[in-house]
N, C-alpha and C. Protein backbone atom coordinates (compact mmCIF):
# COMPACT_ATOMS: atom_id res chain seq x y z
N MET A 1 48.52 97.22 88.98
CA MET A 1 47.89 97.80 87.79
C MET A 1 47.69 96.75 86.73
N ALA A 2 48.72 95.93 86.57
CA ALA A 2 48.61 94.80 85.62
C ALA A 2 47.55 93.86 86.06
N LEU A 3 47.41 93.65 87.36
CA LEU A 3 46.39 92.76 87.90
C LEU A 3 45.00 93.30 87.63
N HIS A 4 44.88 94.57 87.78
CA HIS A 4 43.57 95.20 87.53
C HIS A 4 43.17 95.08 86.06
N ALA A 5 44.19 95.25 85.20
CA ALA A 5 43.90 95.11 83.75
C ALA A 5 43.52 93.68 83.41
N ARG A 6 44.17 92.70 84.05
CA ARG A 6 43.84 91.29 83.79
C ARG A 6 42.43 90.99 84.27
N GLY A 7 42.09 91.57 85.35
CA GLY A 7 40.71 91.33 85.86
C GLY A 7 39.68 91.92 84.94
N ILE A 8 39.99 93.07 84.40
CA ILE A 8 39.06 93.68 83.44
C ILE A 8 38.93 92.83 82.19
N SER A 9 40.07 92.28 81.73
CA SER A 9 40.04 91.40 80.54
C SER A 9 39.23 90.16 80.80
N SER A 10 39.39 89.62 81.98
CA SER A 10 38.60 88.40 82.30
C SER A 10 37.13 88.71 82.33
N LEU A 11 36.81 89.90 82.87
CA LEU A 11 35.39 90.30 82.91
C LEU A 11 34.82 90.47 81.52
N VAL A 12 35.65 91.08 80.65
CA VAL A 12 35.21 91.29 79.25
C VAL A 12 34.98 89.94 78.56
N ILE A 13 35.91 89.03 78.80
CA ILE A 13 35.78 87.70 78.18
C ILE A 13 34.56 86.99 78.71
N PHE A 14 34.34 87.13 80.03
CA PHE A 14 33.17 86.47 80.64
C PHE A 14 31.86 87.04 80.08
N VAL A 15 31.86 88.37 79.97
CA VAL A 15 30.65 89.03 79.42
C VAL A 15 30.44 88.61 77.99
N GLY A 16 31.53 88.50 77.24
CA GLY A 16 31.41 88.06 75.83
C GLY A 16 30.88 86.66 75.72
N ILE A 17 31.39 85.81 76.59
CA ILE A 17 30.93 84.41 76.56
C ILE A 17 29.47 84.34 76.95
N ALA A 18 29.11 85.12 77.97
CA ALA A 18 27.69 85.13 78.41
C ALA A 18 26.79 85.63 77.30
N SER A 19 27.24 86.62 76.56
CA SER A 19 26.43 87.14 75.44
C SER A 19 26.24 86.10 74.35
N CYS A 20 27.31 85.36 74.06
CA CYS A 20 27.21 84.30 73.03
C CYS A 20 26.24 83.21 73.46
N ILE A 21 26.33 82.88 74.77
CA ILE A 21 25.41 81.85 75.27
C ILE A 21 23.98 82.33 75.17
N SER A 22 23.77 83.63 75.49
CA SER A 22 22.41 84.19 75.43
C SER A 22 21.88 84.18 74.00
N VAL A 23 22.77 84.55 73.07
CA VAL A 23 22.37 84.53 71.64
C VAL A 23 22.06 83.12 71.20
N ALA A 24 22.88 82.18 71.63
CA ALA A 24 22.66 80.78 71.23
C ALA A 24 21.36 80.26 71.78
N ILE A 25 21.09 80.66 73.04
CA ILE A 25 19.82 80.20 73.65
C ILE A 25 18.64 80.80 72.92
N SER A 26 18.77 82.11 72.56
CA SER A 26 17.68 82.78 71.82
C SER A 26 17.44 82.11 70.48
N ILE A 27 18.58 81.81 69.82
CA ILE A 27 18.44 81.14 68.51
C ILE A 27 17.78 79.77 68.67
N GLY A 28 18.17 79.07 69.72
CA GLY A 28 17.58 77.74 69.97
C GLY A 28 16.10 77.83 70.26
N VAL A 29 15.73 78.83 71.08
CA VAL A 29 14.30 79.01 71.40
C VAL A 29 13.51 79.35 70.16
N PHE A 30 14.10 80.21 69.31
CA PHE A 30 13.42 80.59 68.07
C PHE A 30 13.21 79.38 67.16
N VAL A 31 14.29 78.58 67.08
CA VAL A 31 14.19 77.40 66.21
C VAL A 31 13.14 76.44 66.73
N VAL A 32 13.18 76.22 68.07
CA VAL A 32 12.21 75.30 68.66
C VAL A 32 10.81 75.85 68.51
N SER A 33 10.65 77.16 68.78
CA SER A 33 9.32 77.79 68.65
C SER A 33 8.82 77.73 67.23
N ASN A 34 9.71 78.00 66.30
CA ASN A 34 9.31 77.97 64.88
C ASN A 34 8.94 76.57 64.47
N LYS A 35 9.67 75.59 64.95
CA LYS A 35 9.38 74.18 64.62
C LYS A 35 8.02 73.78 65.17
N LYS A 36 7.75 74.29 66.42
CA LYS A 36 6.45 73.97 67.04
C LYS A 36 5.31 74.60 66.27
N ASN A 37 5.52 75.82 65.80
CA ASN A 37 4.49 76.50 65.02
C ASN A 37 4.20 75.77 63.72
N GLU A 38 5.30 75.26 63.12
CA GLU A 38 5.12 74.52 61.87
C GLU A 38 4.32 73.26 62.09
N GLU A 39 4.56 72.60 63.28
CA GLU A 39 3.85 71.35 63.52
C GLU A 39 2.38 71.60 63.86
N THR A 40 2.13 72.73 64.56
CA THR A 40 0.75 72.97 64.99
C THR A 40 -0.07 73.77 64.01
N SER A 41 0.55 74.40 63.02
CA SER A 41 -0.21 75.20 62.06
C SER A 41 -0.97 74.28 61.11
N PRO A 42 -2.24 74.67 60.76
CA PRO A 42 -3.04 73.81 59.85
C PRO A 42 -2.42 73.75 58.48
N THR A 43 -2.42 72.59 57.92
CA THR A 43 -1.85 72.38 56.59
C THR A 43 -2.95 71.94 55.64
N ALA A 44 -3.10 72.60 54.53
CA ALA A 44 -4.11 72.21 53.52
C ALA A 44 -3.63 70.97 52.79
N THR A 45 -4.43 69.91 52.88
CA THR A 45 -4.07 68.65 52.22
C THR A 45 -4.79 68.55 50.90
N LEU A 46 -4.08 68.42 49.85
CA LEU A 46 -4.67 68.30 48.52
C LEU A 46 -5.11 66.86 48.31
N GLN A 47 -6.37 66.69 47.96
CA GLN A 47 -6.90 65.36 47.65
C GLN A 47 -7.03 65.21 46.15
N SER A 48 -6.57 64.08 45.69
CA SER A 48 -6.66 63.84 44.26
C SER A 48 -8.12 63.66 43.87
N PRO A 49 -8.56 64.29 42.79
CA PRO A 49 -9.98 64.17 42.38
C PRO A 49 -10.32 62.73 42.03
N LYS A 50 -11.56 62.37 42.34
CA LYS A 50 -12.03 61.03 41.99
C LYS A 50 -12.25 60.94 40.49
N PRO A 51 -11.82 59.89 39.89
CA PRO A 51 -12.07 59.75 38.44
C PRO A 51 -13.55 59.58 38.17
N LEU A 52 -13.98 59.99 36.98
CA LEU A 52 -15.38 59.83 36.59
C LEU A 52 -15.75 58.36 36.61
N GLY A 53 -16.91 58.09 37.16
CA GLY A 53 -17.35 56.71 37.23
C GLY A 53 -16.90 56.00 38.47
N ASP A 54 -16.20 56.72 39.36
CA ASP A 54 -15.77 56.10 40.61
C ASP A 54 -16.93 56.08 41.58
N ALA A 55 -17.44 54.90 41.88
CA ALA A 55 -18.62 54.77 42.73
C ALA A 55 -18.35 55.23 44.14
N SER A 56 -17.08 55.19 44.58
CA SER A 56 -16.79 55.55 45.96
C SER A 56 -17.09 57.01 46.23
N SER A 57 -16.94 57.89 45.18
CA SER A 57 -17.23 59.29 45.38
C SER A 57 -18.71 59.50 45.67
N TYR A 58 -19.54 58.70 45.06
CA TYR A 58 -20.97 58.80 45.31
C TYR A 58 -21.33 58.24 46.68
N ILE A 59 -20.63 57.20 47.07
CA ILE A 59 -20.90 56.61 48.38
C ILE A 59 -20.51 57.57 49.48
N GLN A 60 -19.32 58.23 49.31
CA GLN A 60 -18.86 59.14 50.34
C GLN A 60 -19.74 60.37 50.45
N SER A 61 -20.24 60.87 49.31
CA SER A 61 -21.07 62.07 49.33
C SER A 61 -22.52 61.78 49.63
N GLY A 62 -22.87 60.50 49.70
CA GLY A 62 -24.25 60.15 50.01
C GLY A 62 -25.16 60.21 48.81
N ASN A 63 -24.62 60.22 47.59
CA ASN A 63 -25.44 60.29 46.39
C ASN A 63 -25.71 58.91 45.83
N VAL A 64 -26.83 58.79 45.16
CA VAL A 64 -27.14 57.58 44.41
C VAL A 64 -26.78 57.85 42.96
N LEU A 65 -26.18 56.91 42.31
CA LEU A 65 -25.80 57.11 40.92
C LEU A 65 -27.00 57.58 40.12
N GLY A 66 -26.83 58.70 39.44
CA GLY A 66 -27.93 59.24 38.66
C GLY A 66 -28.81 60.18 39.43
N ASP A 67 -28.56 60.37 40.76
CA ASP A 67 -29.36 61.27 41.58
C ASP A 67 -28.68 62.62 41.61
N THR A 68 -29.43 63.67 41.22
CA THR A 68 -28.85 65.02 41.18
C THR A 68 -28.97 65.73 42.50
N THR A 69 -29.60 65.13 43.52
CA THR A 69 -29.75 65.76 44.83
C THR A 69 -28.63 65.28 45.73
N ALA A 70 -27.79 66.22 46.15
CA ALA A 70 -26.61 65.83 46.94
C ALA A 70 -27.03 65.34 48.31
N GLY A 71 -26.40 64.23 48.73
CA GLY A 71 -26.59 63.77 50.08
C GLY A 71 -27.93 63.15 50.36
N THR A 72 -28.72 62.85 49.34
CA THR A 72 -30.03 62.24 49.56
C THR A 72 -30.16 60.98 48.76
N CYS A 73 -30.96 60.09 49.21
CA CYS A 73 -31.23 58.83 48.51
C CYS A 73 -32.74 58.68 48.44
N ASN A 74 -33.29 58.87 47.26
CA ASN A 74 -34.74 58.85 47.10
C ASN A 74 -35.21 57.49 46.63
N HIS A 75 -36.21 56.97 47.28
CA HIS A 75 -36.81 55.69 46.88
C HIS A 75 -38.28 55.93 46.58
N THR A 76 -38.75 55.44 45.45
CA THR A 76 -40.15 55.59 45.07
C THR A 76 -40.89 54.30 45.38
N ILE A 77 -41.95 54.40 46.16
CA ILE A 77 -42.77 53.24 46.51
C ILE A 77 -44.04 53.30 45.69
N GLN A 78 -44.26 52.33 44.85
CA GLN A 78 -45.44 52.28 44.00
C GLN A 78 -46.50 51.40 44.64
N GLU A 79 -47.69 51.96 44.69
CA GLU A 79 -48.80 51.19 45.23
C GLU A 79 -49.45 50.38 44.12
N LYS A 80 -49.78 49.15 44.42
CA LYS A 80 -50.41 48.27 43.44
C LYS A 80 -51.76 47.85 43.97
N SER A 81 -52.77 48.20 43.19
CA SER A 81 -54.13 47.86 43.62
C SER A 81 -54.41 46.39 43.33
N VAL A 82 -55.13 45.78 44.22
CA VAL A 82 -55.48 44.37 44.09
C VAL A 82 -56.99 44.26 43.93
N ASP A 83 -57.39 43.60 42.86
CA ASP A 83 -58.82 43.42 42.62
C ASP A 83 -59.35 42.33 43.55
N VAL A 84 -60.21 42.76 44.45
CA VAL A 84 -60.78 41.80 45.40
C VAL A 84 -62.24 41.52 45.09
N THR A 85 -62.65 41.87 43.85
CA THR A 85 -64.03 41.60 43.46
C THR A 85 -64.25 40.10 43.39
N PRO A 86 -65.21 39.58 44.11
CA PRO A 86 -65.43 38.13 44.08
C PRO A 86 -65.92 37.66 42.72
N THR A 87 -65.47 36.49 42.33
CA THR A 87 -65.90 35.91 41.06
C THR A 87 -67.34 35.42 41.21
N PRO A 88 -68.22 35.88 40.30
CA PRO A 88 -69.61 35.46 40.44
C PRO A 88 -69.77 33.95 40.27
N THR A 89 -70.60 33.39 41.08
CA THR A 89 -70.86 31.96 41.01
C THR A 89 -71.81 31.67 39.84
N PRO A 90 -71.44 30.74 38.95
CA PRO A 90 -72.33 30.44 37.83
C PRO A 90 -73.71 29.97 38.31
N LEU A 91 -74.73 30.39 37.57
CA LEU A 91 -76.08 29.99 37.93
C LEU A 91 -76.27 28.49 37.70
N SER A 92 -76.97 27.88 38.60
CA SER A 92 -77.24 26.45 38.47
C SER A 92 -78.41 26.22 37.54
N CYS A 93 -78.32 25.14 36.80
CA CYS A 93 -79.39 24.77 35.88
C CYS A 93 -80.61 24.30 36.68
N VAL A 94 -81.79 24.73 36.24
CA VAL A 94 -83.05 24.31 36.86
C VAL A 94 -83.91 23.64 35.79
N GLU A 95 -84.29 22.41 36.03
CA GLU A 95 -85.11 21.68 35.07
C GLU A 95 -86.58 22.09 35.20
N SER A 96 -87.25 22.14 34.06
CA SER A 96 -88.66 22.53 34.06
C SER A 96 -89.35 22.00 32.80
N GLU A 97 -90.65 22.10 32.81
CA GLU A 97 -91.45 21.67 31.64
C GLU A 97 -92.65 22.60 31.52
N GLN A 98 -92.93 23.04 30.31
CA GLN A 98 -94.07 23.91 30.08
C GLN A 98 -94.82 23.46 28.82
N THR A 99 -96.13 23.62 28.87
CA THR A 99 -96.98 23.24 27.74
C THR A 99 -97.59 24.50 27.13
N ASN A 100 -97.35 24.68 25.84
CA ASN A 100 -97.91 25.83 25.15
C ASN A 100 -99.36 25.54 24.75
N PRO A 101 -100.21 26.54 24.91
CA PRO A 101 -101.62 26.34 24.51
C PRO A 101 -101.73 26.00 23.03
N SER A 102 -102.85 25.37 22.66
CA SER A 102 -103.09 25.03 21.25
C SER A 102 -103.11 26.29 20.40
N PHE A 103 -102.57 26.20 19.22
CA PHE A 103 -102.48 27.37 18.33
C PHE A 103 -102.79 26.95 16.89
N ILE A 104 -103.17 27.92 16.06
CA ILE A 104 -103.38 27.72 14.62
C ILE A 104 -102.72 28.88 13.89
N ILE A 105 -101.90 28.57 12.89
CA ILE A 105 -101.20 29.57 12.09
C ILE A 105 -101.79 29.57 10.68
N GLN A 106 -102.23 30.73 10.24
CA GLN A 106 -102.73 30.89 8.87
C GLN A 106 -101.59 31.29 7.94
N CYS A 107 -101.40 30.48 6.90
CA CYS A 107 -100.30 30.74 5.98
C CYS A 107 -100.76 31.50 4.74
N GLY A 108 -102.04 31.40 4.41
CA GLY A 108 -102.51 32.02 3.17
C GLY A 108 -102.23 31.13 1.98
N THR A 109 -102.48 31.67 0.81
CA THR A 109 -102.26 30.92 -0.44
C THR A 109 -101.06 31.49 -1.18
N GLY A 110 -100.53 30.68 -2.06
CA GLY A 110 -99.39 31.13 -2.87
C GLY A 110 -98.06 31.01 -2.18
N ASN A 111 -98.01 30.35 -1.02
CA ASN A 111 -96.74 30.18 -0.31
C ASN A 111 -96.10 28.83 -0.56
N GLY A 112 -96.79 27.95 -1.27
CA GLY A 112 -96.27 26.62 -1.47
C GLY A 112 -96.36 25.83 -0.17
N GLN A 113 -95.44 24.93 0.05
CA GLN A 113 -95.48 24.07 1.23
C GLN A 113 -94.78 24.67 2.46
N ASN A 114 -94.08 25.76 2.27
CA ASN A 114 -93.36 26.38 3.39
C ASN A 114 -94.09 27.62 3.88
N CYS A 115 -94.67 27.51 5.05
CA CYS A 115 -95.39 28.63 5.64
C CYS A 115 -94.39 29.67 6.13
N SER A 116 -94.61 30.94 5.77
CA SER A 116 -93.68 32.00 6.15
C SER A 116 -94.00 32.63 7.51
N THR A 117 -95.14 32.24 8.08
CA THR A 117 -95.51 32.78 9.41
C THR A 117 -95.17 31.75 10.48
N PRO A 118 -94.33 32.11 11.46
CA PRO A 118 -93.91 31.12 12.48
C PRO A 118 -94.82 31.15 13.69
N HIS A 119 -94.76 30.08 14.45
CA HIS A 119 -95.28 30.09 15.82
C HIS A 119 -94.08 30.36 16.71
N SER A 120 -94.12 31.46 17.51
CA SER A 120 -92.96 31.89 18.29
C SER A 120 -93.30 31.94 19.78
N PHE A 121 -92.36 31.54 20.60
CA PHE A 121 -92.50 31.64 22.05
C PHE A 121 -91.10 31.69 22.67
N THR A 122 -91.05 32.01 23.96
CA THR A 122 -89.76 32.14 24.65
C THR A 122 -89.67 31.17 25.83
N VAL A 123 -88.44 30.82 26.16
CA VAL A 123 -88.15 30.01 27.35
C VAL A 123 -87.01 30.67 28.11
N ASN A 124 -87.04 30.54 29.43
CA ASN A 124 -85.98 31.09 30.28
C ASN A 124 -85.17 29.95 30.89
N THR A 125 -83.86 30.09 30.84
CA THR A 125 -82.99 29.06 31.41
C THR A 125 -82.05 29.69 32.42
N THR A 126 -81.69 28.92 33.45
CA THR A 126 -80.69 29.33 34.44
C THR A 126 -79.54 28.35 34.34
N GLY A 127 -78.39 28.86 33.98
CA GLY A 127 -77.26 27.98 33.76
C GLY A 127 -77.36 27.32 32.39
N THR A 128 -76.33 26.61 32.02
CA THR A 128 -76.33 25.89 30.74
C THR A 128 -77.39 24.80 30.77
N SER A 129 -78.24 24.77 29.75
CA SER A 129 -79.39 23.85 29.77
C SER A 129 -79.62 23.25 28.39
N TRP A 130 -80.33 22.09 28.41
CA TRP A 130 -80.79 21.46 27.19
C TRP A 130 -82.26 21.84 27.00
N ILE A 131 -82.61 22.17 25.74
CA ILE A 131 -84.02 22.45 25.42
C ILE A 131 -84.53 21.34 24.50
N LYS A 132 -85.67 20.78 24.86
CA LYS A 132 -86.30 19.74 24.05
C LYS A 132 -87.78 20.11 23.87
N ILE A 133 -88.28 19.87 22.68
CA ILE A 133 -89.70 20.15 22.44
C ILE A 133 -90.38 18.91 21.86
N ASN A 134 -91.69 18.86 22.06
CA ASN A 134 -92.53 17.78 21.51
C ASN A 134 -93.76 18.44 20.90
N TYR A 135 -93.87 18.33 19.58
CA TYR A 135 -94.97 18.98 18.85
C TYR A 135 -96.05 17.95 18.52
N THR A 136 -97.28 18.33 18.79
CA THR A 136 -98.44 17.49 18.45
C THR A 136 -99.34 18.28 17.51
N THR A 137 -99.70 17.67 16.38
CA THR A 137 -100.51 18.38 15.38
C THR A 137 -101.96 18.58 15.88
N HIS A 138 -102.59 19.59 15.26
CA HIS A 138 -103.98 19.94 15.62
C HIS A 138 -104.93 18.87 15.07
N ALA A 139 -106.03 18.72 15.77
CA ALA A 139 -107.02 17.70 15.38
C ALA A 139 -107.65 17.99 14.02
N SER A 140 -107.65 19.23 13.56
CA SER A 140 -108.29 19.61 12.30
C SER A 140 -107.41 19.38 11.07
N HIS A 141 -106.20 18.89 11.27
CA HIS A 141 -105.30 18.68 10.12
C HIS A 141 -105.89 17.61 9.19
N CYS A 142 -105.85 17.93 7.91
CA CYS A 142 -106.33 16.98 6.91
C CYS A 142 -105.21 16.51 6.00
N SER A 143 -103.98 16.88 6.36
CA SER A 143 -102.79 16.43 5.63
C SER A 143 -101.61 16.43 6.58
N ASN A 144 -100.56 15.76 6.14
CA ASN A 144 -99.38 15.68 6.99
C ASN A 144 -98.63 17.02 7.04
N VAL A 145 -97.95 17.21 8.12
CA VAL A 145 -97.20 18.46 8.30
C VAL A 145 -95.94 18.17 9.14
N ALA A 146 -94.92 18.96 8.90
CA ALA A 146 -93.67 18.91 9.69
C ALA A 146 -93.36 20.33 10.15
N VAL A 147 -92.41 20.44 11.03
CA VAL A 147 -92.02 21.78 11.50
C VAL A 147 -90.51 21.96 11.40
N LYS A 148 -90.10 23.17 10.97
CA LYS A 148 -88.70 23.58 11.03
C LYS A 148 -88.52 24.40 12.30
N ILE A 149 -87.45 24.12 13.04
CA ILE A 149 -87.28 24.73 14.36
C ILE A 149 -86.02 25.62 14.38
N TYR A 150 -86.21 26.84 14.92
CA TYR A 150 -85.12 27.81 15.07
C TYR A 150 -85.01 28.22 16.55
N VAL A 151 -83.80 28.33 17.03
CA VAL A 151 -83.55 28.85 18.38
C VAL A 151 -82.71 30.12 18.25
N ASP A 152 -83.30 31.23 18.72
CA ASP A 152 -82.63 32.54 18.60
C ASP A 152 -82.23 32.81 17.15
N ASP A 153 -83.18 32.49 16.23
CA ASP A 153 -83.04 32.72 14.78
C ASP A 153 -81.93 31.87 14.15
N VAL A 154 -81.53 30.82 14.84
CA VAL A 154 -80.55 29.88 14.28
C VAL A 154 -81.28 28.57 14.00
N TYR A 155 -81.20 28.12 12.73
CA TYR A 155 -81.88 26.88 12.35
C TYR A 155 -81.25 25.69 13.08
N LYS A 156 -82.14 24.83 13.64
CA LYS A 156 -81.66 23.65 14.37
C LYS A 156 -81.99 22.34 13.65
N THR A 157 -83.22 22.15 13.30
CA THR A 157 -83.61 20.87 12.71
C THR A 157 -85.02 20.95 12.13
N GLN A 158 -85.41 19.90 11.39
CA GLN A 158 -86.79 19.75 10.91
C GLN A 158 -87.32 18.40 11.38
N SER A 159 -88.56 18.41 11.86
CA SER A 159 -89.18 17.18 12.36
C SER A 159 -89.61 16.29 11.20
N ASN A 160 -90.05 15.12 11.55
CA ASN A 160 -90.64 14.23 10.55
C ASN A 160 -92.09 14.67 10.28
N PHE A 161 -92.66 14.21 9.19
CA PHE A 161 -94.06 14.52 8.86
C PHE A 161 -94.99 13.65 9.71
N ILE A 162 -96.01 14.27 10.23
CA ILE A 162 -96.98 13.55 11.07
C ILE A 162 -98.40 13.98 10.68
N ALA A 163 -99.35 13.07 10.93
CA ALA A 163 -100.77 13.34 10.64
C ALA A 163 -101.42 14.00 11.85
N ALA A 164 -102.72 14.25 11.76
CA ALA A 164 -103.48 14.92 12.83
C ALA A 164 -103.37 14.15 14.14
N LEU A 165 -103.19 14.94 15.24
CA LEU A 165 -103.11 14.43 16.60
C LEU A 165 -101.90 13.49 16.85
N GLN A 166 -100.95 13.52 15.96
CA GLN A 166 -99.71 12.78 16.19
C GLN A 166 -98.63 13.72 16.73
N SER A 167 -97.64 13.08 17.36
CA SER A 167 -96.55 13.86 17.97
C SER A 167 -95.21 13.53 17.33
N THR A 168 -94.35 14.50 17.34
CA THR A 168 -93.00 14.31 16.80
C THR A 168 -92.11 13.54 17.76
N GLY A 169 -92.53 13.46 19.03
CA GLY A 169 -91.63 12.93 20.05
C GLY A 169 -90.66 14.04 20.49
N SER A 170 -89.85 13.73 21.44
CA SER A 170 -88.92 14.73 21.98
C SER A 170 -87.83 15.07 20.96
N ILE A 171 -87.72 16.35 20.64
CA ILE A 171 -86.70 16.83 19.69
C ILE A 171 -85.66 17.62 20.48
N ASP A 172 -84.42 17.17 20.42
CA ASP A 172 -83.33 17.81 21.17
C ASP A 172 -82.81 19.01 20.39
N LEU A 173 -82.83 20.18 21.02
CA LEU A 173 -82.35 21.40 20.37
C LEU A 173 -80.95 21.81 20.85
N GLU A 174 -80.24 20.91 21.49
CA GLU A 174 -78.87 21.14 21.97
C GLU A 174 -78.85 22.10 23.15
N THR A 175 -77.64 22.43 23.62
CA THR A 175 -77.51 23.24 24.83
C THR A 175 -77.59 24.73 24.53
N VAL A 176 -78.04 25.47 25.53
CA VAL A 176 -78.09 26.93 25.45
C VAL A 176 -77.54 27.49 26.77
N ALA A 177 -77.08 28.73 26.73
CA ALA A 177 -76.60 29.39 27.93
C ALA A 177 -77.77 29.93 28.73
N ALA A 178 -77.47 30.39 29.94
CA ALA A 178 -78.51 30.97 30.78
C ALA A 178 -79.08 32.22 30.13
N GLY A 179 -80.39 32.39 30.22
CA GLY A 179 -81.01 33.58 29.66
C GLY A 179 -82.36 33.28 29.03
N THR A 180 -82.87 34.24 28.29
CA THR A 180 -84.15 34.10 27.59
C THR A 180 -83.89 33.76 26.14
N HIS A 181 -84.54 32.72 25.66
CA HIS A 181 -84.33 32.24 24.29
C HIS A 181 -85.66 32.18 23.54
N THR A 182 -85.60 32.57 22.28
CA THR A 182 -86.79 32.58 21.43
C THR A 182 -86.78 31.37 20.51
N ILE A 183 -87.87 30.64 20.54
CA ILE A 183 -88.01 29.45 19.69
C ILE A 183 -89.09 29.72 18.66
N LYS A 184 -88.77 29.44 17.40
CA LYS A 184 -89.72 29.64 16.31
C LYS A 184 -89.91 28.33 15.55
N LEU A 185 -91.19 28.04 15.23
CA LEU A 185 -91.53 26.85 14.43
C LEU A 185 -92.23 27.31 13.16
N TYR A 186 -91.76 26.76 12.03
CA TYR A 186 -92.38 27.05 10.72
C TYR A 186 -92.98 25.76 10.19
N GLY A 187 -94.24 25.82 9.81
CA GLY A 187 -94.91 24.63 9.26
C GLY A 187 -94.43 24.31 7.85
N VAL A 188 -94.33 23.01 7.58
CA VAL A 188 -93.96 22.52 6.24
C VAL A 188 -95.03 21.52 5.81
N GLY A 189 -95.71 21.81 4.67
CA GLY A 189 -96.79 20.94 4.20
C GLY A 189 -96.28 19.79 3.34
N GLN A 190 -97.16 18.83 3.14
CA GLN A 190 -96.87 17.67 2.29
C GLN A 190 -98.10 17.36 1.47
N ALA A 191 -97.90 17.19 0.17
CA ALA A 191 -99.04 16.94 -0.71
C ALA A 191 -99.74 15.64 -0.33
N GLY A 192 -101.05 15.68 -0.37
CA GLY A 192 -101.87 14.52 0.00
C GLY A 192 -103.02 14.98 0.86
N GLY A 193 -104.07 14.18 0.90
CA GLY A 193 -105.27 14.58 1.64
C GLY A 193 -105.84 15.86 1.05
N CYS A 194 -105.99 16.87 1.89
CA CYS A 194 -106.52 18.15 1.41
C CYS A 194 -105.44 19.08 0.91
N ASN A 195 -104.20 18.64 0.91
CA ASN A 195 -103.08 19.48 0.46
C ASN A 195 -102.83 19.21 -1.01
N ASP A 196 -103.08 20.23 -1.83
CA ASP A 196 -102.88 20.10 -3.27
C ASP A 196 -101.61 20.80 -3.75
N GLY A 197 -100.68 20.94 -2.85
CA GLY A 197 -99.41 21.59 -3.20
C GLY A 197 -99.21 22.91 -2.50
N ASN A 198 -100.14 23.26 -1.62
CA ASN A 198 -100.03 24.52 -0.92
C ASN A 198 -100.52 24.35 0.53
N LEU A 199 -99.67 24.69 1.50
CA LEU A 199 -100.04 24.61 2.91
C LEU A 199 -100.78 25.89 3.29
N VAL A 200 -102.05 25.76 3.57
CA VAL A 200 -102.87 26.94 3.88
C VAL A 200 -102.80 27.30 5.36
N ALA A 201 -102.78 26.29 6.23
CA ALA A 201 -102.74 26.54 7.69
C ALA A 201 -102.15 25.32 8.38
N TRP A 202 -101.70 25.50 9.55
CA TRP A 202 -101.19 24.41 10.36
C TRP A 202 -101.31 24.82 11.84
N GLY A 203 -101.20 23.90 12.77
CA GLY A 203 -101.33 24.20 14.19
C GLY A 203 -101.09 23.00 15.06
N GLY A 204 -101.35 23.17 16.35
CA GLY A 204 -101.16 22.08 17.29
C GLY A 204 -100.82 22.61 18.68
N SER A 205 -100.05 21.83 19.40
CA SER A 205 -99.62 22.22 20.76
C SER A 205 -98.19 21.76 20.97
N LEU A 206 -97.56 22.34 21.99
CA LEU A 206 -96.15 22.06 22.26
C LEU A 206 -95.89 21.80 23.73
N THR A 207 -94.98 20.91 23.99
CA THR A 207 -94.45 20.72 25.34
C THR A 207 -92.95 20.99 25.28
N THR A 208 -92.48 21.92 26.09
CA THR A 208 -91.05 22.29 26.12
C THR A 208 -90.44 21.81 27.43
N THR A 209 -89.35 21.09 27.32
CA THR A 209 -88.67 20.56 28.50
C THR A 209 -87.26 21.14 28.58
N ILE A 210 -86.90 21.63 29.75
CA ILE A 210 -85.54 22.12 30.00
C ILE A 210 -84.86 21.17 30.96
N THR A 211 -83.75 20.59 30.54
CA THR A 211 -83.00 19.66 31.38
C THR A 211 -81.57 20.12 31.55
N CYS A 212 -80.91 19.59 32.55
CA CYS A 212 -79.52 19.96 32.82
C CYS A 212 -78.57 18.93 32.21
N PRO A 213 -77.47 19.40 31.63
CA PRO A 213 -76.51 18.46 31.02
C PRO A 213 -75.93 17.49 32.03
């Protein structure tokens, strides 16, 4: 009977020990399982905000400083037109000579020695040119006469006084640009012969020469 009781006690102790081991194993499994869950569960990582003016925040987000469009980088390409119009070639000077037909200008009376009516004609030049004229008085002149010369209404010079059928020689009127130019001659009388202080008429012929500088 005592033996049977001892066997029962041993069984109870064995069962108790087995229960403790089972509890310990359960606790260990729980701890291990819980630890594994902690390691595998997602953890929210707090990132410190970038300070204002930190260029790296713009680089990481794909922004350009000053660009309000997130993740884009806009570049503006400006087109520049190029003028390809060819530069015009300056016109070349062409030399020429022309003779104006004989003319007579009536000045009237009361004008003194300066005739107010001009002899006018035009010349055409290509390129920068020199204009020269040679005036020869009319055969009917009975007193000396000179001429005042204007180019495009700009006074240039006055010739010397010459008698009938005489020439002034070549008078240089300086350079002019390409184009059409108006030349005007005004007669100037000189007392003597049939001139009593008033130039009534004057005339003659002209040779105009255009030369290149």
